[in-house]
Amino acid sequence: MSTRRFPIDWPLVSVGLLLSLYGISIVYSAGQTDVMTGVAKLWKNQLIWFCLALGAAYMMSRFSVRLLDWLTWPLYGATIAMLLLLLVIGKGAGTAASSKSWLAIGGFRIGQPAELAKITVVLALAKVLSQFKEPPRTLLELWKPAMVVGLPWLLIMKQPDLGTGIVFIGFAFAMLFWAGVAWPLLVLVASPIVSLILAFNTFYWGAWFLLLLALVLWYKPYLYEGIFLVVVNVIFGVVSQIAWEKLQPYQQKRLLVFIDPNLDRLKSGYHVIQSQVAIGSGGWFGKGFTLGTQKRLAFLPAQHTDFIFAVVGEEMGFIGVTLAIALFGLLFLRVTKIAERANDSYSSLVAFGLLASWFVHVFENMGMTLNLMPITGIPLPFFSYGGSFMLASWMAIGILLRISAEGRGGRHSHFAV
């Protein structure tokens, strides 16, 4: 742990503080309802977690990148152990009461290890990718990155936690891109998932399969890799119905109401319908802080967690939504600059992986409140109520502060795009 003074990246800290304070104020507003709920005092807990998170960020910023690199595999191993433990003693919460995502002691939920896993898996994937002298060019070269992400991803999906699983896939592809992997290879890697999704419509799947064949012939992978990809896509297309039946009932309903919320207006479709009403009623300037009617009458479910962005839209209007998006945009731009100026490929990949994790959260959360994305129970960074996520987000900022302080600037390899 380093004790040497280093320059603080104030733009990064400032944006993080503004996002957190904005988020805490919205959590406070989410608790101001005309119907008695248990949300009214949660903003105080969020404020306490925010203070603890600042301390965690400071501690993480004291770890040099070299020390963080050295600790990567022990932290990854501890993550796998915790995820395995969750399958035995994990607890559920809210609409996902049947899941095993929470670590609990004596019936008291103390946190979600999956939030910290997002950081440790980014570190481990960066460690593996940074060891390549040249960007991976074949499927076979990607087996190590696939194993690093695949093992915790399987454990996450076993809980099951679809939202976190999507985040893992998202930052994995982003880091492969940042590492210099060619886009055709990334498309080929993603092709089985696309086949799984499109297999519910024969026409769409057939069109996709022809496109895939054309891409294989153009990119010209090794013969056995091309055959493997075609076979896997066919298999995924065939087993899509089996995969559908393996999903939990609440996950199936969330995907169905994404296509048409009116299929279950009073249950699974209720969330997104109320969210759209709330955001649409906000207009340009909103109904005023704490004055949102959908929220005050408790029509809006999960208004302090998954659907907190709907509170922003209803009470702060288009202006408030634009401010939130602008702050996230500034955060992403600043972290991209940190990744570009990083001292080495490992640091650059860690920075970009953390950025990608946040981006997937923001894109999916905002999208699901508008029914542009399926509901997956994914929180909005710095806004949604939750101690584990606030703690993990600021730990990530602490890591980024250290990478920024040690960075020299410039582009040194394929890993700094």
Protein backbone atom coordinates (compact mmCIF):
# COMPACT_ATOMS: atom_id res chain seq x y z
CA MET A 1 0.00 0.00 0.00
CA SER A 2 1.52 3.26 -1.15
CA THR A 3 1.85 6.27 1.13
CA ARG A 4 3.40 8.60 -1.46
CA ARG A 5 1.25 11.62 -2.31
CA PHE A 6 -0.19 11.66 -5.79
CA PRO A 7 -2.31 14.11 -7.79
CA ILE A 8 -6.07 13.71 -7.41
CA ASP A 9 -8.18 13.47 -10.54
CA TRP A 10 -10.65 16.15 -9.51
CA PRO A 11 -12.87 15.92 -12.62
CA LEU A 12 -13.47 12.23 -11.83
CA VAL A 13 -14.09 12.88 -8.13
CA SER A 14 -16.38 15.83 -8.86
CA VAL A 15 -18.58 13.91 -11.29
CA GLY A 16 -18.79 10.98 -8.87
CA LEU A 17 -19.81 13.29 -6.02
CA LEU A 18 -22.43 15.08 -8.11
CA LEU A 19 -23.94 11.78 -9.27
CA SER A 20 -24.02 10.41 -5.71
CA LEU A 21 -25.59 13.53 -4.19
CA TYR A 22 -28.14 13.71 -6.99
CA GLY A 23 -28.91 10.03 -6.40
CA ILE A 24 -29.27 10.38 -2.63
CA SER A 25 -31.67 13.31 -3.09
CA ILE A 26 -33.81 11.16 -5.41
CA VAL A 27 -33.77 8.28 -2.90
CA TYR A 28 -35.04 10.80 -0.32
CA SER A 29 -37.77 11.93 -2.69
CA ALA A 30 -38.72 8.32 -3.47
CA GLY A 31 -39.58 7.89 0.22
CA GLN A 32 -41.92 10.90 0.35
CA THR A 33 -45.26 9.24 -0.37
CA ASP A 34 -48.88 9.69 0.67
CA VAL A 35 -49.06 5.98 1.37
CA MET A 36 -47.12 4.52 4.29
CA THR A 37 -44.09 2.60 3.00
CA GLY A 38 -40.76 1.41 4.35
CA VAL A 39 -38.82 3.67 1.98
CA ALA A 40 -39.19 6.98 3.84
CA LYS A 41 -36.00 6.70 5.91
CA LEU A 42 -33.83 4.73 3.52
CA TRP A 43 -32.07 7.87 2.31
CA LYS A 44 -30.33 8.03 5.70
CA ASN A 45 -28.95 4.53 5.17
CA GLN A 46 -27.85 5.52 1.68
CA LEU A 47 -26.05 8.56 3.08
CA ILE A 48 -24.23 6.37 5.59
CA TRP A 49 -23.21 3.96 2.82
CA PHE A 50 -22.05 6.92 0.76
CA CYS A 51 -19.73 8.04 3.57
CA LEU A 52 -18.40 4.50 3.97
CA ALA A 53 -17.95 4.31 0.21
CA LEU A 54 -15.83 7.46 0.21
CA GLY A 55 -13.59 5.82 2.80
CA ALA A 56 -13.38 2.66 0.68
CA ALA A 57 -12.48 4.77 -2.37
CA TYR A 58 -9.69 6.44 -0.43
CA MET A 59 -8.33 3.07 0.71
CA MET A 60 -8.41 1.66 -2.83
CA SER A 61 -6.62 4.74 -4.15
CA ARG A 62 -3.71 3.99 -1.78
CA PHE A 63 -3.07 0.63 -3.50
CA SER A 64 -0.53 1.00 -6.26
CA VAL A 65 -1.41 -0.54 -9.62
CA ARG A 66 1.49 -2.98 -9.17
CA LEU A 67 0.04 -4.17 -5.85
CA LEU A 68 -3.43 -4.41 -7.37
CA ASP A 69 -1.98 -6.50 -10.18
CA TRP A 70 -0.34 -8.80 -7.64
CA LEU A 71 -3.59 -9.17 -5.68
CA THR A 72 -5.73 -9.90 -8.73
CA TRP A 73 -5.75 -13.69 -8.54
CA PRO A 74 -6.23 -13.91 -4.74
CA LEU A 75 -9.18 -11.49 -5.05
CA TYR A 76 -10.59 -13.50 -7.96
CA GLY A 77 -10.29 -16.72 -5.96
CA ALA A 78 -12.07 -15.13 -2.99
CA THR A 79 -14.83 -14.00 -5.35
CA ILE A 80 -15.37 -17.52 -6.66
CA ALA A 81 -15.48 -18.84 -3.11
CA MET A 82 -18.14 -16.29 -2.09
CA LEU A 83 -20.25 -17.03 -5.16
CA LEU A 84 -20.08 -20.74 -4.38
CA LEU A 85 -21.06 -20.02 -0.78
CA LEU A 86 -24.08 -18.06 -1.96
CA LEU A 87 -25.46 -21.14 -3.67
CA VAL A 88 -25.64 -22.75 -0.23
CA ILE A 89 -26.62 -19.92 2.14
CA GLY A 90 -27.66 -17.12 -0.22
CA LYS A 91 -30.97 -15.30 0.29
CA GLY A 92 -33.34 -13.55 -2.09
CA ALA A 93 -35.07 -10.19 -1.92
CA GLY A 94 -37.98 -8.31 -3.49
CA THR A 95 -39.34 -9.69 -6.74
CA ALA A 96 -36.44 -12.14 -6.86
CA ALA A 97 -37.17 -13.75 -3.51
CA SER A 98 -36.35 -17.18 -4.93
CA SER A 99 -32.81 -16.16 -5.90
CA LYS A 100 -29.66 -16.59 -3.83
CA SER A 101 -27.96 -13.24 -4.45
CA TRP A 102 -27.65 -11.89 -0.90
CA LEU A 103 -25.22 -12.89 1.82
CA ALA A 104 -27.13 -12.97 5.08
CA ILE A 105 -26.19 -13.55 8.71
CA GLY A 106 -28.93 -14.31 11.22
CA GLY A 107 -31.58 -13.36 8.69
CA PHE A 108 -30.02 -9.93 8.12
CA ARG A 109 -28.87 -9.24 4.56
CA ILE A 110 -25.40 -7.70 4.61
CA GLY A 111 -24.65 -7.35 0.91
CA GLN A 112 -24.42 -8.80 -2.59
CA PRO A 113 -21.01 -10.33 -3.39
CA ALA A 114 -21.87 -10.06 -7.09
CA GLU A 115 -21.32 -6.29 -6.89
CA LEU A 116 -17.72 -6.78 -5.78
CA ALA A 117 -17.37 -9.61 -8.31
CA LYS A 118 -17.88 -7.06 -11.09
CA ILE A 119 -14.63 -5.41 -10.01
CA THR A 120 -12.56 -8.51 -9.34
CA VAL A 121 -13.56 -10.17 -12.63
CA VAL A 122 -12.61 -6.98 -14.49
CA LEU A 123 -9.21 -7.14 -12.77
CA ALA A 124 -8.76 -10.81 -13.68
CA LEU A 125 -9.81 -10.35 -17.30
CA ALA A 126 -7.46 -7.38 -17.61
CA LYS A 127 -4.65 -9.52 -16.19
CA VAL A 128 -5.22 -12.22 -18.82
CA LEU A 129 -5.67 -9.88 -21.79
CA SER A 130 -2.64 -7.78 -20.87
CA GLN A 131 -0.43 -10.85 -21.24
CA PHE A 132 -1.12 -11.08 -24.98
CA LYS A 133 1.72 -9.61 -27.03
CA GLU A 134 -0.71 -9.24 -29.95
CA PRO A 135 -4.51 -9.01 -29.84
CA PRO A 136 -6.23 -12.43 -30.03
CA ARG A 137 -7.12 -13.33 -33.62
CA THR A 138 -8.72 -16.77 -33.26
CA LEU A 139 -11.38 -18.38 -31.11
CA LEU A 140 -8.82 -20.72 -29.58
CA GLU A 141 -6.80 -17.79 -28.25
CA LEU A 142 -9.85 -16.60 -26.35
CA TRP A 143 -10.20 -19.68 -24.16
CA LYS A 144 -8.47 -18.10 -21.14
CA PRO A 145 -10.57 -14.90 -21.17
CA ALA A 146 -13.66 -17.07 -21.65
CA MET A 147 -12.78 -19.19 -18.61
CA VAL A 148 -12.07 -16.14 -16.42
CA VAL A 149 -15.46 -14.60 -17.16
CA GLY A 150 -17.39 -17.82 -17.73
CA LEU A 151 -16.89 -19.42 -14.30
CA PRO A 152 -18.24 -16.52 -12.19
CA TRP A 153 -20.90 -15.88 -14.85
CA LEU A 154 -22.22 -19.43 -14.48
CA LEU A 155 -22.31 -19.05 -10.69
CA ILE A 156 -24.14 -15.72 -11.04
CA MET A 157 -26.69 -17.23 -13.41
CA LYS A 158 -27.15 -20.17 -11.05
CA GLN A 159 -28.43 -17.79 -8.33
CA PRO A 160 -30.13 -16.72 -10.75
CA ASP A 161 -29.22 -13.05 -11.40
CA LEU A 162 -29.87 -12.21 -15.04
CA GLY A 163 -29.06 -8.50 -14.65
CA THR A 164 -25.55 -9.10 -13.29
CA GLY A 165 -25.02 -11.81 -15.89
CA ILE A 166 -25.71 -9.25 -18.63
CA VAL A 167 -23.19 -6.86 -17.05
CA PHE A 168 -20.50 -9.55 -17.13
CA ILE A 169 -21.12 -10.23 -20.81
CA GLY A 170 -21.16 -6.51 -21.56
CA PHE A 171 -17.84 -5.58 -19.99
CA ALA A 172 -16.19 -8.76 -21.31
CA PHE A 173 -16.94 -7.79 -24.92
CA ALA A 174 -15.96 -4.18 -24.26
CA MET A 175 -12.59 -5.23 -22.85
CA LEU A 176 -11.96 -7.58 -25.78
CA PHE A 177 -12.63 -4.64 -28.10
CA TRP A 178 -10.27 -2.41 -26.10
CA ALA A 179 -7.65 -5.15 -26.27
CA GLY A 180 -7.73 -4.91 -30.05
CA VAL A 181 -9.84 -7.96 -30.95
CA ALA A 182 -11.26 -7.48 -34.47
CA TRP A 183 -15.01 -6.77 -34.65
CA PRO A 184 -15.77 -9.76 -36.94
CA LEU A 185 -14.29 -12.09 -34.33
CA LEU A 186 -16.37 -10.41 -31.62
CA VAL A 187 -19.50 -10.94 -33.73
CA LEU A 188 -18.60 -14.60 -34.23
CA VAL A 189 -18.09 -15.02 -30.48
CA ALA A 190 -21.48 -13.42 -29.78
CA SER A 191 -23.26 -15.35 -32.53
CA PRO A 192 -24.57 -18.25 -30.36
CA ILE A 193 -26.32 -15.79 -28.04
CA VAL A 194 -27.85 -14.03 -31.04
CA SER A 195 -29.08 -17.39 -32.34
CA LEU A 196 -30.55 -18.18 -28.94
CA ILE A 197 -32.52 -14.92 -28.97
CA LEU A 198 -33.66 -15.01 -32.60
CA ALA A 199 -34.62 -18.69 -32.59
CA PHE A 200 -38.09 -17.78 -31.37
CA ASN A 201 -38.80 -16.53 -34.90
CA THR A 202 -37.89 -18.85 -37.78
CA PHE A 203 -37.59 -16.05 -40.36
CA TYR A 204 -35.27 -13.90 -38.23
CA TRP A 205 -33.13 -16.86 -37.23
CA GLY A 206 -32.82 -18.00 -40.86
CA ALA A 207 -31.76 -14.52 -41.99
CA TRP A 208 -29.23 -14.34 -39.16
CA PHE A 209 -27.83 -17.78 -39.99
CA LEU A 210 -27.24 -16.79 -43.63
CA LEU A 211 -25.51 -13.61 -42.45
CA LEU A 212 -23.36 -15.68 -40.10
CA LEU A 213 -22.30 -18.00 -42.93
CA ALA A 214 -21.33 -14.98 -45.03
CA LEU A 215 -19.27 -13.56 -42.15
CA VAL A 216 -17.48 -16.89 -41.60
CA LEU A 217 -16.59 -17.10 -45.30
CA TRP A 218 -15.35 -13.48 -45.28
CA TYR A 219 -13.36 -13.56 -42.02
CA LYS A 220 -11.95 -17.02 -42.83
CA PRO A 221 -11.29 -18.50 -39.39
CA TYR A 222 -9.62 -21.89 -39.11
CA LEU A 223 -11.76 -24.60 -40.68
CA TYR A 224 -12.48 -26.34 -37.39
CA GLU A 225 -13.43 -22.99 -35.79
CA GLY A 226 -15.84 -22.20 -38.61
CA ILE A 227 -17.47 -25.62 -38.37
CA PHE A 228 -17.64 -25.30 -34.59
CA LEU A 229 -19.38 -21.91 -34.83
CA VAL A 230 -21.96 -23.13 -37.33
CA VAL A 231 -22.74 -26.24 -35.26
CA VAL A 232 -23.00 -24.27 -32.00
CA ASN A 233 -25.37 -21.76 -33.60
CA VAL A 234 -27.59 -24.57 -34.84
CA ILE A 235 -27.58 -26.19 -31.40
CA PHE A 236 -28.43 -22.91 -29.67
CA GLY A 237 -31.25 -22.37 -32.11
CA VAL A 238 -32.64 -25.82 -31.35
CA VAL A 239 -32.30 -25.65 -27.57
CA SER A 240 -33.71 -22.13 -27.24
CA GLN A 241 -37.02 -23.51 -26.03
CA ILE A 242 -35.23 -25.60 -23.39
CA ALA A 243 -33.34 -22.53 -22.23
CA TRP A 244 -36.63 -20.64 -22.01
CA GLU A 245 -38.11 -23.30 -19.75
CA LYS A 246 -35.05 -23.12 -17.48
CA LEU A 247 -35.73 -19.46 -16.71
CA GLN A 248 -37.57 -18.61 -13.52
CA PRO A 249 -41.27 -17.69 -14.02
CA TYR A 250 -40.65 -14.04 -13.07
CA GLN A 251 -37.81 -13.86 -15.62
CA GLN A 252 -40.05 -15.28 -18.36
CA LYS A 253 -42.75 -12.73 -17.58
CA ARG A 254 -40.23 -9.87 -17.65
CA LEU A 255 -39.12 -10.87 -21.14
CA LEU A 256 -42.69 -11.33 -22.40
CA VAL A 257 -43.90 -7.96 -21.14
CA PHE A 258 -40.93 -6.35 -22.88
CA ILE A 259 -42.65 -7.29 -26.15
CA ASP A 260 -46.09 -6.20 -24.93
CA PRO A 261 -46.60 -4.82 -21.37
CA ASN A 262 -50.36 -5.20 -21.82
CA LEU A 263 -50.00 -8.99 -21.70
CA ASP A 264 -49.90 -8.72 -17.90
CA ARG A 265 -50.96 -5.16 -17.05
CA LEU A 266 -51.65 -5.81 -13.37
CA LYS A 267 -48.55 -7.89 -12.59
CA SER A 268 -45.36 -8.20 -14.65
CA GLY A 269 -46.35 -5.45 -17.10
CA TYR A 270 -47.43 -3.13 -14.29
CA HIS A 271 -43.90 -1.93 -13.54
CA VAL A 272 -43.03 -0.66 -16.98
CA ILE A 273 -46.50 0.80 -17.65
CA GLN A 274 -46.36 2.88 -14.45
CA SER A 275 -42.78 3.86 -15.23
CA GLN A 276 -43.72 5.12 -18.70
CA VAL A 277 -46.67 7.05 -17.26
CA ALA A 278 -44.42 8.66 -14.64
CA ILE A 279 -41.68 9.68 -17.06
CA GLY A 280 -44.15 10.88 -19.70
CA SER A 281 -46.04 13.04 -17.20
CA GLY A 282 -42.87 14.88 -16.18
CA GLY A 283 -42.78 17.09 -19.25
CA TRP A 284 -39.95 19.58 -19.62
CA PHE A 285 -39.51 20.68 -16.01
CA GLY A 286 -41.18 17.92 -14.00
CA LYS A 287 -43.81 18.08 -11.29
CA GLY A 288 -41.33 19.29 -8.69
CA PHE A 289 -39.01 17.66 -6.17
CA THR A 290 -40.94 15.14 -3.98
CA LEU A 291 -44.20 16.02 -5.82
CA GLY A 292 -44.47 13.18 -8.35
CA THR A 293 -48.01 11.80 -8.19
CA GLN A 294 -47.22 8.30 -9.49
CA LYS A 295 -44.57 8.08 -6.79
CA ARG A 296 -46.53 9.73 -3.97
CA LEU A 297 -49.48 7.38 -4.48
CA ALA A 298 -47.08 4.41 -4.59
CA PHE A 299 -48.21 3.40 -8.07
CA LEU A 300 -44.58 3.18 -9.16
CA PRO A 301 -43.00 -0.10 -7.92
CA ALA A 302 -39.34 -0.30 -6.83
CA GLN A 303 -39.20 3.49 -7.03
CA HIS A 304 -36.08 3.67 -4.86
CA THR A 305 -34.17 0.87 -6.61
CA ASP A 306 -34.70 -0.48 -10.13
CA PHE A 307 -37.14 2.24 -11.25
CA ILE A 308 -35.59 5.27 -9.57
CA PHE A 309 -34.93 6.81 -12.99
CA ALA A 310 -38.71 7.10 -13.42
CA VAL A 311 -38.78 9.32 -10.30
CA VAL A 312 -36.16 11.55 -11.93
CA GLY A 313 -38.28 11.80 -15.08
CA GLU A 314 -41.53 12.53 -13.25
CA GLU A 315 -40.25 15.07 -10.76
CA MET A 316 -37.32 16.69 -12.57
CA GLY A 317 -38.64 16.37 -16.11
CA PHE A 318 -36.64 16.43 -19.31
CA ILE A 319 -34.16 18.89 -17.78
CA GLY A 320 -33.44 16.62 -14.82
CA VAL A 321 -33.11 13.55 -17.04
CA THR A 322 -30.74 15.45 -19.34
CA LEU A 323 -28.64 16.49 -16.34
CA ALA A 324 -28.35 12.88 -15.15
CA ILE A 325 -27.41 11.62 -18.62
CA ALA A 326 -24.90 14.48 -19.03
CA LEU A 327 -23.21 13.59 -15.73
CA PHE A 328 -22.93 9.95 -16.76
CA GLY A 329 -21.56 11.09 -20.12
CA LEU A 330 -18.89 13.18 -18.39
CA LEU A 331 -18.02 10.20 -16.18
CA PHE A 332 -17.60 7.93 -19.22
CA LEU A 333 -15.52 10.49 -21.11
CA ARG A 334 -13.23 11.03 -18.13
CA VAL A 335 -12.68 7.31 -17.56
CA THR A 336 -12.02 6.83 -21.28
CA LYS A 337 -9.31 9.48 -21.03
CA ILE A 338 -7.85 7.69 -18.01
CA ALA A 339 -7.80 4.42 -19.96
CA GLU A 340 -6.05 6.12 -22.89
CA ARG A 341 -3.39 7.65 -20.64
CA ALA A 342 -2.81 4.55 -18.53
CA ASN A 343 0.74 3.45 -17.86
CA ASP A 344 0.35 -0.07 -19.23
CA SER A 345 -2.15 -2.40 -20.87
CA TYR A 346 -3.32 -3.88 -17.55
CA SER A 347 -4.23 -0.46 -16.14
CA SER A 348 -5.88 0.61 -19.39
CA LEU A 349 -8.01 -2.53 -19.55
CA VAL A 350 -9.07 -2.23 -15.91
CA ALA A 351 -10.18 1.37 -16.45
CA PHE A 352 -12.13 0.56 -19.60
CA GLY A 353 -13.68 -2.54 -18.01
CA LEU A 354 -14.98 -0.52 -15.05
CA LEU A 355 -16.37 2.07 -17.48
CA ALA A 356 -18.10 -0.67 -19.49
CA SER A 357 -19.66 -2.12 -16.34
CA TRP A 358 -21.19 1.26 -15.47
CA PHE A 359 -22.29 1.83 -19.06
CA VAL A 360 -24.19 -1.48 -19.21
CA HIS A 361 -25.94 -0.60 -15.95
CA VAL A 362 -26.96 2.85 -17.19
CA PHE A 363 -28.03 1.66 -20.65
CA GLU A 364 -30.06 -1.28 -19.35
CA ASN A 365 -31.64 0.54 -16.38
CA MET A 366 -32.73 3.62 -18.31
CA GLY A 367 -33.83 1.43 -21.20
CA MET A 368 -36.03 -0.83 -19.08
CA THR A 369 -37.84 2.14 -17.47
CA LEU A 370 -38.88 3.19 -21.00
CA ASN A 371 -39.55 -0.40 -22.18
CA LEU A 372 -36.66 -0.15 -24.62
CA MET A 373 -34.91 -3.00 -22.80
CA PRO A 374 -36.33 -6.02 -20.91
CA ILE A 375 -36.70 -5.67 -17.15
CA THR A 376 -33.76 -7.41 -15.48
CA GLY A 377 -33.69 -5.86 -12.02
CA ILE A 378 -30.47 -3.96 -12.67
CA PRO A 379 -29.73 -0.83 -10.57
CA LEU A 380 -28.73 2.64 -11.77
CA PRO A 381 -25.17 3.52 -10.61
CA PHE A 382 -24.97 6.15 -7.83
CA PHE A 383 -28.78 6.51 -7.85
CA SER A 384 -30.46 3.24 -6.90
CA TYR A 385 -30.69 2.47 -3.21
CA GLY A 386 -28.24 -0.21 -2.13
CA GLY A 387 -25.14 -0.22 0.03
CA SER A 388 -23.24 -2.93 -1.85
CA PHE A 389 -23.58 -1.17 -5.18
CA MET A 390 -22.66 2.26 -3.79
CA LEU A 391 -19.63 0.73 -2.07
CA ALA A 392 -18.52 -1.10 -5.23
CA SER A 393 -19.01 1.98 -7.42
CA TRP A 394 -16.79 4.13 -5.24
CA MET A 395 -14.20 1.37 -4.87
CA ALA A 396 -14.04 1.46 -8.67
CA ILE A 397 -13.51 5.22 -8.53
CA GLY A 398 -10.69 4.67 -6.04
CA ILE A 399 -8.99 2.27 -8.46
CA LEU A 400 -9.45 4.75 -11.30
CA LEU A 401 -7.95 7.53 -9.21
CA ARG A 402 -4.80 5.45 -8.75
CA ILE A 403 -4.60 4.55 -12.44
CA SER A 404 -5.05 8.21 -13.33
CA ALA A 405 -2.33 9.30 -10.90
CA GLU A 406 0.18 6.76 -12.24
CA GLY A 407 -0.66 7.27 -15.91
CA ARG A 408 1.90 8.98 -18.15
CA GLY A 409 -0.39 9.68 -21.10
CA GLY A 410 0.01 8.68 -24.71
CA ARG A 411 -0.79 5.49 -26.59
CA HIS A 412 1.64 2.67 -26.09
CA SER A 413 0.09 -0.43 -27.66
CA HIS A 414 -2.97 -2.08 -29.14
CA PHE A 415 -4.50 -1.91 -25.67
CA ALA A 416 -4.82 1.89 -25.69
CA VAL A 417 -7.23 2.66 -28.51
